[in-house]
Amino acid sequence: MVKEDMNFKLKKIAKSSIIVFLGIFISKLLTYVYKVVIARNFGPEIFGLFSIAIMISGWFITFSSLGLGGGLLRYLSFYIGKKDIKKARYIYQVSSRTIIFSSIFFGAILFFLSDFISITLFHNQELSLFLKIFSFLIPLSILFSIFLGILLSFERIGWYSFIFNILQNFVKVFSLILLIFLGVGIISVPFSYLLGAFFTFFISYLVCKKYIQEIFEKPLLEKKLKKKISTELFSYSWPLLFSGVVYVIFYWADTFIVGVFKTPIDVGFYNVAITIALLLSVTPELFFTIFFPMITKEYSNKKFSTIKDLSKQINKWILIINLPILILILLFPGVFINILFGKEYILAENSLRFLVLGMFFNSIFSISEKLLSMIGKSKVVFLNILFSLSVNIVLSIFLIQKYGIEGVAFSTMLSIFILNILLAYQTKKHLLFIPLKKETLKITLSSILAGSLLVVLDWFLEVKTLALILFGFLFLLSYIFFILILKCLDKSDLLILDAIKRRLMSFNKK
């Protein structure tokens, strides 16, 4: 019965994954195009300044949210589920008023501190222009997060995905290219990003006003009840602020250290490496989008064997997809950098090698974080992140002095290893399994054998752009060959492939 139940879930994942993939793919593609256009048109220094400005504004946005973004989504969804629209209205009213005021306050602080931050911390006056423009991003980001949260709570997933993933990124790319064409200069970079945020806010507001108008009506509740709801909301939200700050620092700590101890040019090189390495995050994002709600439902029904089987199966797919990407980037980092960003960023080669190893390891074991959060062990996840963050900061500061951005990349890789080993251990402790299937070794061997073929070819031929495409195709064919020969696929995998094939055929008929 367990196997049949799992097969049903796998079919469901396969059928849904195509649609989910398209949304994620378009979003990631536009994001990459945006960064590539900046990097190629303005060079490493401006790309570095842009990365620093995004980091600083991201911190300010996190502080200004006061953790109420998560609180709004939780309680809005809760009361909508109970069909208590009056309480939902009040949640929207009290949370939105608070964080809008807070965002304006923090935006003003960033605006007036922009010169100080730019000169004192990063020793670059030009950064101030970016920070001043991005100070307006803070209230805009808070505003669109409110309305996107409403769309999610009312299960308007299509609108949410379109506005957040596609519209926002399309506006950024289009406005950036247009402004460059008009000869506006470096202001094109922060202004185009701001335009993306503005359109996201504007359209999400209009959609909410049209389709969810009831949320904007005045809540008619007693003062005592309002006080009770407010207390619950803020009690839940305040801890989220602290954890949110730690999460955002963990994500940007390496960029901050490079910016403080080196130059914006070095930040530009480093963030090119990060951008390419993050290709390996697309696959888990695809599967987790579908997987997490499903696994949570299975947990509520106490179907632990199904959870175990699903976790291992999903991790197997992530491994199969990400391993060849890892091998190609490890063998030819310079070619990837040249294709996407240009030769002037070639100094990021070794940093890319370290970071892509870290991201690969994270893609395989990040499912542990989802599982631990699912069973209510978010505190354990938080403490693990805090520890690995501390390791990363201390080691990065030590290594950057001698090894530059490569030292920071190594520190980041190591901290990711530590974090995911801890998470895997905690998963084993609390759920009694590690999300890896027995075929893991055979899949790894398949990639090594296929990669060895590339190494041999590289001895005789210089791998450039066209050659990489050809070699990559040959590598994938040999990889698939070894996957089949070594019998890495089982009946569950074949079920998925068949379901995907039928889904694609149904699209063609339509």
Protein backbone atom coordinates (compact mmCIF):
# COMPACT_ATOMS: atom_id res chain seq x y z
CA MET A 1 0.00 0.00 0.00
CA VAL A 2 2.84 2.33 0.87
CA LYS A 3 4.44 1.80 -2.53
CA GLU A 4 1.13 2.43 -4.33
CA ASP A 5 0.61 5.57 -2.26
CA MET A 6 4.08 6.79 -3.15
CA ASN A 7 3.59 6.07 -6.84
CA PHE A 8 0.42 8.14 -6.81
CA LYS A 9 2.34 11.04 -5.23
CA LEU A 10 5.15 10.71 -7.76
CA LYS A 11 2.66 10.89 -10.65
CA LYS A 12 1.19 14.02 -9.12
CA ILE A 13 4.63 15.62 -8.84
CA ALA A 14 5.52 14.76 -12.42
CA LYS A 15 2.31 16.22 -13.83
CA SER A 16 2.62 19.44 -11.85
CA SER A 17 6.36 19.91 -12.25
CA ILE A 18 6.23 21.02 -15.90
CA ILE A 19 4.00 24.00 -15.10
CA VAL A 20 5.99 24.89 -11.99
CA PHE A 21 9.22 24.54 -13.90
CA LEU A 22 8.10 26.99 -16.57
CA GLY A 23 7.37 29.69 -13.96
CA ILE A 24 10.66 29.15 -12.15
CA PHE A 25 12.60 28.84 -15.41
CA ILE A 26 11.31 32.15 -16.80
CA SER A 27 12.03 33.89 -13.50
CA LYS A 28 15.58 32.53 -13.27
CA LEU A 29 16.25 33.21 -16.96
CA LEU A 30 15.19 36.86 -16.68
CA THR A 31 17.22 37.28 -13.48
CA TYR A 32 20.31 35.90 -15.22
CA VAL A 33 19.73 38.09 -18.27
CA TYR A 34 19.43 41.13 -16.02
CA LYS A 35 22.72 40.40 -14.24
CA VAL A 36 24.54 39.52 -17.47
CA VAL A 37 23.42 42.79 -19.10
CA ILE A 38 24.72 44.76 -16.09
CA ALA A 39 28.01 42.87 -15.93
CA ARG A 40 28.73 43.05 -19.66
CA ASN A 41 27.72 46.70 -20.16
CA PHE A 42 29.13 48.31 -17.03
CA GLY A 43 32.02 46.07 -15.95
CA PRO A 44 33.04 44.42 -12.64
CA GLU A 45 33.06 47.58 -10.51
CA ILE A 46 29.47 48.64 -11.27
CA PHE A 47 28.30 45.03 -10.99
CA GLY A 48 30.01 44.93 -7.60
CA LEU A 49 28.40 48.20 -6.48
CA PHE A 50 25.02 46.86 -7.59
CA SER A 51 25.58 43.66 -5.55
CA ILE A 52 26.57 45.63 -2.45
CA ALA A 53 23.54 47.93 -2.80
CA ILE A 54 21.18 44.94 -3.12
CA MET A 55 22.77 43.43 -0.01
CA ILE A 56 22.48 46.60 2.11
CA SER A 57 18.90 47.35 1.01
CA GLY A 58 17.99 43.69 1.64
CA TRP A 59 19.15 44.02 5.25
CA PHE A 60 17.14 47.20 5.70
CA ILE A 61 14.06 45.56 4.17
CA THR A 62 14.39 42.64 6.60
CA PHE A 63 14.64 45.01 9.58
CA SER A 64 11.73 47.15 8.39
CA SER A 65 9.41 44.13 7.97
CA LEU A 66 9.60 43.49 11.76
CA GLY A 67 8.86 39.84 10.99
CA LEU A 68 5.28 40.81 10.15
CA GLY A 69 5.51 39.49 6.58
CA GLY A 70 5.48 35.93 7.91
CA GLY A 71 2.89 36.83 10.54
CA LEU A 72 0.58 38.40 7.95
CA LEU A 73 0.76 35.33 5.72
CA ARG A 74 0.18 32.89 8.59
CA TYR A 75 -2.77 34.59 10.26
CA LEU A 76 -4.37 35.82 7.05
CA SER A 77 -4.34 32.25 5.69
CA PHE A 78 -5.58 30.93 9.06
CA TYR A 79 -8.61 33.24 9.28
CA ILE A 80 -9.45 32.89 5.59
CA GLY A 81 -9.39 29.12 6.07
CA LYS A 82 -11.84 29.54 8.96
CA LYS A 83 -13.90 31.91 6.74
CA ASP A 84 -13.56 34.65 9.34
CA ILE A 85 -13.14 37.61 6.98
CA LYS A 86 -13.51 40.24 9.74
CA LYS A 87 -10.43 39.01 11.57
CA ALA A 88 -8.56 38.64 8.25
CA ARG A 89 -9.34 42.29 7.48
CA TYR A 90 -8.01 43.38 10.84
CA ILE A 91 -4.81 41.33 10.40
CA TYR A 92 -4.24 43.04 7.06
CA GLN A 93 -4.99 46.46 8.53
CA VAL A 94 -2.80 46.30 11.65
CA SER A 95 0.17 44.56 9.99
CA SER A 96 0.20 46.73 6.85
CA ARG A 97 -0.01 49.99 8.79
CA THR A 98 2.84 48.96 11.07
CA ILE A 99 5.29 47.76 8.43
CA ILE A 100 4.51 50.58 5.96
CA PHE A 101 5.43 53.11 8.66
CA SER A 102 8.49 51.05 9.59
CA SER A 103 9.63 50.74 5.95
CA ILE A 104 9.39 54.51 5.38
CA PHE A 105 11.42 55.04 8.57
CA PHE A 106 14.17 52.58 7.59
CA GLY A 107 14.15 53.87 4.00
CA ALA A 108 14.82 57.39 5.32
CA ILE A 109 17.66 56.08 7.52
CA LEU A 110 19.32 54.39 4.54
CA PHE A 111 18.94 57.55 2.44
CA PHE A 112 20.64 59.78 5.03
CA LEU A 113 23.30 57.20 5.95
CA SER A 114 24.18 56.31 2.34
CA ASP A 115 27.27 58.58 2.21
CA PHE A 116 28.54 57.30 5.56
CA ILE A 117 28.05 53.63 4.59
CA SER A 118 29.64 54.13 1.17
CA ILE A 119 32.77 55.94 2.35
CA THR A 120 33.36 54.46 5.80
CA LEU A 121 32.60 50.79 5.12
CA PHE A 122 33.18 50.32 1.39
CA HIS A 123 35.48 53.25 0.55
CA ASN A 124 33.55 54.13 -2.61
CA GLN A 125 31.59 57.35 -3.01
CA GLU A 126 29.85 56.09 -6.14
CA LEU A 127 28.00 53.50 -4.02
CA SER A 128 26.07 56.33 -2.37
CA LEU A 129 24.02 56.95 -5.53
CA PHE A 130 22.94 53.30 -5.60
CA LEU A 131 21.98 53.34 -1.91
CA LYS A 132 20.02 56.59 -2.17
CA ILE A 133 17.92 55.18 -5.05
CA PHE A 134 17.56 51.82 -3.30
CA SER A 135 16.28 53.55 -0.15
CA PHE A 136 12.99 53.99 -2.07
CA LEU A 137 13.06 50.25 -2.74
CA ILE A 138 12.43 49.51 0.95
CA PRO A 139 8.83 50.81 1.22
CA LEU A 140 8.06 49.55 -2.30
CA SER A 141 9.26 46.03 -1.41
CA ILE A 142 7.21 46.05 1.78
CA LEU A 143 4.12 47.23 -0.09
CA PHE A 144 4.28 44.57 -2.79
CA SER A 145 5.09 41.86 -0.22
CA ILE A 146 1.82 42.76 1.56
CA PHE A 147 -0.30 42.42 -1.57
CA LEU A 148 1.53 39.33 -2.75
CA GLY A 149 0.91 37.85 0.71
CA ILE A 150 -2.81 38.56 0.25
CA LEU A 151 -2.77 36.81 -3.13
CA LEU A 152 -1.08 33.76 -1.59
CA SER A 153 -3.49 33.68 1.36
CA PHE A 154 -6.49 33.74 -0.97
CA GLU A 155 -4.79 31.06 -3.12
CA ARG A 156 -4.43 33.28 -6.21
CA ILE A 157 -1.27 31.36 -7.06
CA GLY A 158 -1.40 32.11 -10.78
CA TRP A 159 -1.48 35.86 -10.21
CA TYR A 160 1.22 35.61 -7.55
CA SER A 161 3.54 33.62 -9.82
CA PHE A 162 2.96 35.91 -12.79
CA ILE A 163 3.54 39.16 -10.86
CA PHE A 164 6.40 38.04 -8.64
CA ASN A 165 8.31 35.70 -10.97
CA ILE A 166 7.64 37.03 -14.45
CA LEU A 167 6.35 40.63 -14.45
CA GLN A 168 8.83 41.96 -11.92
CA ASN A 169 11.87 40.50 -13.70
CA PHE A 170 10.61 41.36 -17.18
CA VAL A 171 10.16 45.03 -16.22
CA LYS A 172 13.69 45.10 -14.76
CA VAL A 173 15.26 43.62 -17.88
CA PHE A 174 13.21 45.69 -20.34
CA SER A 175 13.74 48.99 -18.53
CA LEU A 176 17.47 48.28 -18.09
CA ILE A 177 17.99 47.59 -21.81
CA LEU A 178 15.86 50.63 -22.75
CA LEU A 179 17.77 52.96 -20.41
CA ILE A 180 21.12 51.68 -21.69
CA PHE A 181 19.93 52.25 -25.27
CA LEU A 182 18.92 55.82 -24.35
CA GLY A 183 22.40 56.43 -22.93
CA VAL A 184 21.28 57.13 -19.37
CA GLY A 185 24.49 55.68 -17.84
CA ILE A 186 25.06 53.81 -14.56
CA ILE A 187 21.84 55.15 -13.05
CA SER A 188 20.13 52.66 -15.38
CA VAL A 189 21.07 49.87 -12.98
CA PRO A 190 19.41 50.97 -9.71
CA PHE A 191 16.55 52.77 -11.49
CA SER A 192 15.56 49.69 -13.53
CA TYR A 193 15.51 47.61 -10.35
CA LEU A 194 13.30 50.21 -8.70
CA LEU A 195 10.91 50.18 -11.66
CA GLY A 196 10.56 46.40 -11.31
CA ALA A 197 9.57 46.83 -7.65
CA PHE A 198 7.13 49.65 -8.47
CA PHE A 199 5.29 47.67 -11.14
CA THR A 200 5.15 44.64 -8.84
CA PHE A 201 3.52 46.77 -6.14
CA PHE A 202 1.17 48.57 -8.55
CA ILE A 203 -0.12 45.50 -10.39
CA SER A 204 -0.42 43.36 -7.23
CA TYR A 205 -2.45 46.18 -5.63
CA LEU A 206 -4.78 46.43 -8.66
CA VAL A 207 -5.30 42.65 -8.76
CA CYS A 208 -6.12 42.57 -5.04
CA LYS A 209 -8.54 45.50 -5.43
CA LYS A 210 -10.32 43.75 -8.29
CA TYR A 211 -10.46 40.14 -7.08
CA ILE A 212 -10.14 40.39 -3.28
CA GLN A 213 -11.92 43.65 -2.58
CA GLU A 214 -13.43 42.34 0.68
CA ILE A 215 -10.05 42.47 2.42
CA PHE A 216 -9.96 46.28 2.15
CA GLU A 217 -13.27 46.85 3.94
CA LYS A 218 -13.26 48.22 7.48
CA PRO A 219 -13.06 45.42 10.11
CA LEU A 220 -15.93 45.61 12.61
CA LEU A 221 -14.46 44.04 15.75
CA GLU A 222 -14.54 44.80 19.47
CA LYS A 223 -11.49 46.54 20.99
CA LYS A 224 -10.83 43.59 23.29
CA LEU A 225 -10.76 41.17 20.34
CA LYS A 226 -8.54 43.53 18.31
CA LYS A 227 -6.06 43.66 21.19
CA LYS A 228 -6.01 39.87 21.47
CA ILE A 229 -5.41 39.41 17.71
CA SER A 230 -2.68 42.09 17.69
CA THR A 231 -0.91 40.45 20.64
CA GLU A 232 -0.93 37.05 18.90
CA LEU A 233 0.30 38.57 15.65
CA PHE A 234 3.22 40.46 17.19
CA SER A 235 4.16 37.59 19.52
CA TYR A 236 4.43 35.30 16.53
CA SER A 237 6.21 37.85 14.31
CA TRP A 238 8.96 39.19 16.58
CA PRO A 239 11.02 35.95 16.64
CA LEU A 240 10.72 35.84 12.84
CA LEU A 241 12.50 39.19 12.66
CA PHE A 242 15.54 37.84 14.47
CA SER A 243 15.70 34.65 12.43
CA GLY A 244 15.11 36.66 9.21
CA VAL A 245 18.08 38.90 10.03
CA VAL A 246 20.31 35.88 10.64
CA TYR A 247 19.16 34.26 7.37
CA VAL A 248 19.83 37.38 5.29
CA ILE A 249 23.26 37.88 6.94
CA PHE A 250 24.09 34.22 6.23
CA TYR A 251 23.20 34.73 2.56
CA TRP A 252 25.20 37.94 2.14
CA ALA A 253 28.03 37.59 4.69
CA ASP A 254 30.64 36.62 2.08
CA THR A 255 29.75 39.53 -0.22
CA PHE A 256 29.89 41.95 2.73
CA ILE A 257 33.35 40.75 3.78
CA VAL A 258 34.67 41.02 0.21
CA GLY A 259 33.20 44.53 -0.04
CA VAL A 260 34.73 45.71 3.26
CA PHE A 261 38.19 44.16 2.88
CA LYS A 262 38.58 44.41 -0.89
CA THR A 263 37.11 46.58 -3.67
CA PRO A 264 33.79 46.70 -5.57
CA ILE A 265 35.66 45.15 -8.50
CA ASP A 266 36.41 42.11 -6.34
CA VAL A 267 32.75 42.03 -5.29
CA GLY A 268 31.85 42.01 -8.99
CA PHE A 269 34.14 39.04 -9.67
CA TYR A 270 32.85 37.18 -6.61
CA ASN A 271 29.18 37.71 -7.43
CA VAL A 272 29.69 36.46 -10.97
CA ALA A 273 30.91 33.20 -9.41
CA ILE A 274 27.92 33.15 -7.04
CA THR A 275 25.46 33.79 -9.87
CA ILE A 276 26.74 30.84 -11.91
CA ALA A 277 26.96 28.54 -8.87
CA LEU A 278 23.33 29.31 -8.02
CA LEU A 279 22.31 27.45 -11.19
CA LEU A 280 22.37 24.41 -8.94
CA SER A 281 19.64 25.87 -6.74
CA VAL A 282 17.04 25.80 -9.54
CA THR A 283 16.44 22.03 -9.39
CA PRO A 284 15.71 21.82 -5.65
CA GLU A 285 13.53 24.92 -5.89
CA LEU A 286 11.49 23.22 -8.59
CA PHE A 287 10.88 20.08 -6.56
CA PHE A 288 10.45 21.77 -3.18
CA THR A 289 7.72 24.03 -4.57
CA ILE A 290 5.59 20.94 -5.05
CA PHE A 291 7.14 18.71 -2.44
CA PHE A 292 6.82 20.80 0.74
CA PRO A 293 3.01 21.21 0.80
CA MET A 294 2.63 17.54 -0.07
CA ILE A 295 5.06 16.29 2.54
CA THR A 296 3.45 18.50 5.19
CA LYS A 297 0.10 16.92 4.42
CA GLU A 298 1.63 13.45 4.73
CA TYR A 299 3.15 14.44 8.07
CA SER A 300 -0.24 15.61 9.36
CA ASN A 301 -1.57 12.15 8.46
CA LYS A 302 1.44 10.52 10.16
CA LYS A 303 2.47 8.67 6.98
CA PHE A 304 6.18 8.54 7.87
CA SER A 305 7.11 5.78 5.43
CA THR A 306 5.67 7.83 2.53
CA ILE A 307 7.62 10.87 3.72
CA LYS A 308 10.81 8.82 3.80
CA ASP A 309 10.29 7.36 0.32
CA LEU A 310 9.29 10.69 -1.23
CA SER A 311 12.26 12.48 0.33
CA LYS A 312 14.73 9.95 -0.98
CA GLN A 313 13.15 9.87 -4.43
CA ILE A 314 13.13 13.65 -4.81
CA ASN A 315 16.74 13.87 -3.65
CA LYS A 316 17.64 11.25 -6.23
CA TRP A 317 16.20 13.40 -9.03
CA ILE A 318 18.07 16.45 -7.76
CA LEU A 319 21.28 14.42 -7.75
CA ILE A 320 20.74 13.09 -11.28
CA ILE A 321 20.07 16.58 -12.69
CA ASN A 322 22.70 18.55 -10.74
CA LEU A 323 25.65 16.14 -11.00
CA PRO A 324 26.35 16.73 -14.72
CA ILE A 325 26.04 20.51 -14.20
CA LEU A 326 28.57 20.28 -11.36
CA ILE A 327 31.02 18.24 -13.44
CA LEU A 328 30.85 20.62 -16.41
CA ILE A 329 31.38 23.74 -14.27
CA LEU A 330 34.24 22.13 -12.30
CA LEU A 331 36.03 21.12 -15.49
CA PHE A 332 35.40 24.30 -17.48
CA PRO A 333 34.65 27.22 -15.11
CA GLY A 334 36.41 29.73 -17.36
CA VAL A 335 34.29 28.78 -20.38
CA PHE A 336 31.06 29.26 -18.39
CA ILE A 337 32.24 32.65 -17.13
CA ASN A 338 33.27 33.72 -20.64
CA ILE A 339 29.97 32.64 -22.22
CA LEU A 340 27.79 34.39 -19.65
CA PHE A 341 29.77 37.39 -18.40
CA GLY A 342 32.82 37.85 -20.60
CA LYS A 343 36.59 37.39 -20.39
CA GLU A 344 37.16 40.27 -17.95
CA TYR A 345 35.59 38.15 -15.18
CA ILE A 346 37.89 35.16 -15.72
CA LEU A 347 39.61 35.84 -12.36
CA ALA A 348 36.52 34.33 -10.70
CA GLU A 349 37.43 30.85 -12.02
CA ASN A 350 38.71 29.26 -8.81
CA SER A 351 36.10 30.99 -6.68
CA LEU A 352 33.46 29.45 -8.92
CA ARG A 353 34.90 25.97 -8.36
CA PHE A 354 34.61 26.31 -4.58
CA LEU A 355 31.15 27.88 -4.65
CA VAL A 356 29.66 25.38 -7.10
CA LEU A 357 30.85 22.51 -4.86
CA GLY A 358 29.17 24.19 -1.92
CA MET A 359 25.93 24.78 -3.83
CA PHE A 360 25.89 21.19 -5.08
CA PHE A 361 26.26 19.87 -1.54
CA ASN A 362 23.51 22.24 -0.42
CA SER A 363 21.18 21.12 -3.23
CA ILE A 364 21.50 17.51 -2.09
CA PHE A 365 21.00 18.05 1.64
CA SER A 366 18.83 21.17 1.79
CA ILE A 367 15.81 18.88 1.86
CA SER A 368 16.83 18.18 5.47
CA GLU A 369 16.07 21.80 6.36
CA LYS A 370 12.56 21.44 4.91
CA LEU A 371 11.97 18.21 6.80
CA LEU A 372 13.16 19.64 10.12
CA SER A 373 11.00 22.75 9.69
CA MET A 374 8.06 20.50 8.88
CA ILE A 375 8.30 18.64 12.19
CA GLY A 376 8.66 21.85 14.19
CA LYS A 377 12.44 21.84 14.60
CA SER A 378 12.93 25.34 13.16
CA LYS A 379 14.97 26.30 16.26
CA VAL A 380 17.42 23.50 15.46
CA VAL A 381 17.70 24.77 11.86
CA PHE A 382 18.25 28.31 13.13
CA LEU A 383 21.03 27.29 15.55
CA ASN A 384 22.77 25.29 12.81
CA ILE A 385 22.64 28.30 10.48
CA LEU A 386 23.93 30.58 13.25
CA PHE A 387 26.89 28.25 13.92
CA SER A 388 27.85 27.86 10.24
CA LEU A 389 27.47 31.62 9.75
CA SER A 390 29.93 32.23 12.60
CA VAL A 391 32.41 29.79 11.02
CA ASN A 392 32.04 31.51 7.64
CA ILE A 393 32.57 35.03 9.01
CA VAL A 394 35.64 34.17 11.15
CA LEU A 395 37.29 32.02 8.48
CA SER A 396 36.52 34.48 5.64
CA ILE A 397 38.08 37.41 7.54
CA PHE A 398 41.16 35.28 8.19
CA LEU A 399 41.55 33.87 4.65
CA ILE A 400 40.70 36.99 2.63
CA GLN A 401 43.88 38.68 3.85
CA LYS A 402 46.08 36.12 2.09
CA TYR A 403 43.92 34.48 -0.59
CA GLY A 404 41.46 37.23 -1.57
CA ILE A 405 38.05 36.22 -2.96
CA GLU A 406 39.18 32.61 -3.35
CA GLY A 407 39.69 32.42 0.41
CA VAL A 408 36.15 33.74 0.99
CA ALA A 409 34.74 31.27 -1.56
CA PHE A 410 36.51 28.40 0.23
CA SER A 411 35.15 29.60 3.60
CA THR A 412 31.63 29.80 2.18
CA MET A 413 31.94 26.30 0.71
CA LEU A 414 33.15 24.92 4.04
CA SER A 415 30.36 26.63 6.02
CA ILE A 416 27.78 25.18 3.62
CA PHE A 417 29.31 21.72 4.11
CA ILE A 418 29.13 22.12 7.90
CA LEU A 419 25.54 23.41 7.82
CA ASN A 420 24.23 20.58 5.66
CA ILE A 421 26.11 17.85 7.55
CA LEU A 422 24.52 19.15 10.75
CA LEU A 423 21.09 19.26 9.12
CA ALA A 424 21.48 15.72 7.75
CA TYR A 425 22.55 14.51 11.21
CA GLN A 426 19.52 16.19 12.82
CA THR A 427 17.24 14.62 10.19
CA LYS A 428 18.66 11.21 11.00
CA LYS A 429 18.18 11.89 14.72
CA HIS A 430 14.57 13.10 14.55
CA LEU A 431 13.19 11.27 11.51
CA LEU A 432 15.45 8.20 11.58
CA PHE A 433 16.66 8.44 7.97
CA ILE A 434 19.04 10.33 5.70
CA PRO A 435 17.38 11.36 2.41
CA LEU A 436 19.73 9.41 0.12
CA LYS A 437 18.91 6.32 -1.93
CA LYS A 438 21.17 3.32 -2.48
CA GLU A 439 21.58 4.35 -6.15
CA THR A 440 23.51 7.49 -5.08
CA LEU A 441 26.91 5.80 -5.49
CA LYS A 442 26.01 4.39 -8.91
CA ILE A 443 24.76 7.81 -10.10
CA THR A 444 27.99 9.41 -8.86
CA LEU A 445 30.04 6.74 -10.66
CA SER A 446 28.07 7.42 -13.88
CA SER A 447 28.97 11.12 -13.72
CA ILE A 448 32.66 10.34 -13.00
CA LEU A 449 32.87 7.95 -15.96
CA ALA A 450 31.18 10.47 -18.27
CA GLY A 451 33.38 13.28 -16.88
CA SER A 452 36.52 11.22 -17.51
CA LEU A 453 35.64 11.18 -21.20
CA LEU A 454 35.62 14.99 -21.16
CA VAL A 455 38.99 15.11 -19.42
CA VAL A 456 40.52 12.88 -22.10
CA LEU A 457 39.03 15.03 -24.88
CA ASP A 458 40.30 18.18 -23.16
CA TRP A 459 43.87 16.85 -23.42
CA PHE A 460 43.67 16.90 -27.21
CA LEU A 461 41.27 19.79 -27.87
CA GLU A 462 40.98 23.27 -26.40
CA VAL A 463 37.49 23.70 -25.02
CA LYS A 464 35.95 27.00 -26.06
CA THR A 465 32.33 28.14 -26.38
CA LEU A 466 31.27 25.99 -29.34
CA ALA A 467 33.34 23.06 -28.16
CA LEU A 468 31.69 23.18 -24.72
CA ILE A 469 28.24 22.88 -26.32
CA LEU A 470 29.42 19.89 -28.34
CA PHE A 471 31.32 18.32 -25.44
CA GLY A 472 28.42 19.00 -23.11
CA PHE A 473 26.04 17.15 -25.42
CA LEU A 474 28.48 14.23 -25.68
CA PHE A 475 28.90 14.24 -21.89
CA LEU A 476 25.14 14.11 -21.30
CA LEU A 477 24.72 11.24 -23.75
CA SER A 478 27.48 9.23 -22.08
CA TYR A 479 26.07 10.14 -18.65
CA ILE A 480 22.61 8.84 -19.61
CA PHE A 481 24.28 5.73 -21.08
CA PHE A 482 26.08 4.95 -17.82
CA ILE A 483 22.92 5.72 -15.80
CA LEU A 484 21.06 3.07 -17.81
CA ILE A 485 23.92 0.53 -17.91
CA LEU A 486 24.48 0.73 -14.15
CA LYS A 487 20.69 0.44 -13.59
CA CYS A 488 20.40 3.66 -11.59
CA LEU A 489 16.70 3.98 -12.41
CA ASP A 490 14.01 1.97 -10.70
CA LYS A 491 10.27 1.54 -11.36
CA SER A 492 9.43 4.83 -9.61
CA ASP A 493 11.74 6.75 -11.96
CA LEU A 494 10.28 5.08 -15.03
CA LEU A 495 6.81 5.98 -13.75
CA ILE A 496 7.85 9.62 -13.57
CA LEU A 497 9.35 9.63 -17.05
CA ASP A 498 6.19 8.07 -18.46
CA ALA A 499 3.98 10.60 -16.67
CA ILE A 500 6.09 13.52 -17.93
CA LYS A 501 5.96 12.12 -21.49
CA ARG A 502 2.18 11.88 -21.33
CA ARG A 503 1.93 15.40 -19.92
CA LEU A 504 4.02 16.78 -22.76
CA MET A 505 1.90 14.93 -25.30
CA SER A 506 -1.26 16.42 -23.78
CA PHE A 507 0.25 19.89 -24.15
CA ASN A 508 1.00 19.21 -27.82
CA LYS A 509 -2.59 18.10 -28.44
CA LYS A 510 -3.88 21.31 -26.90
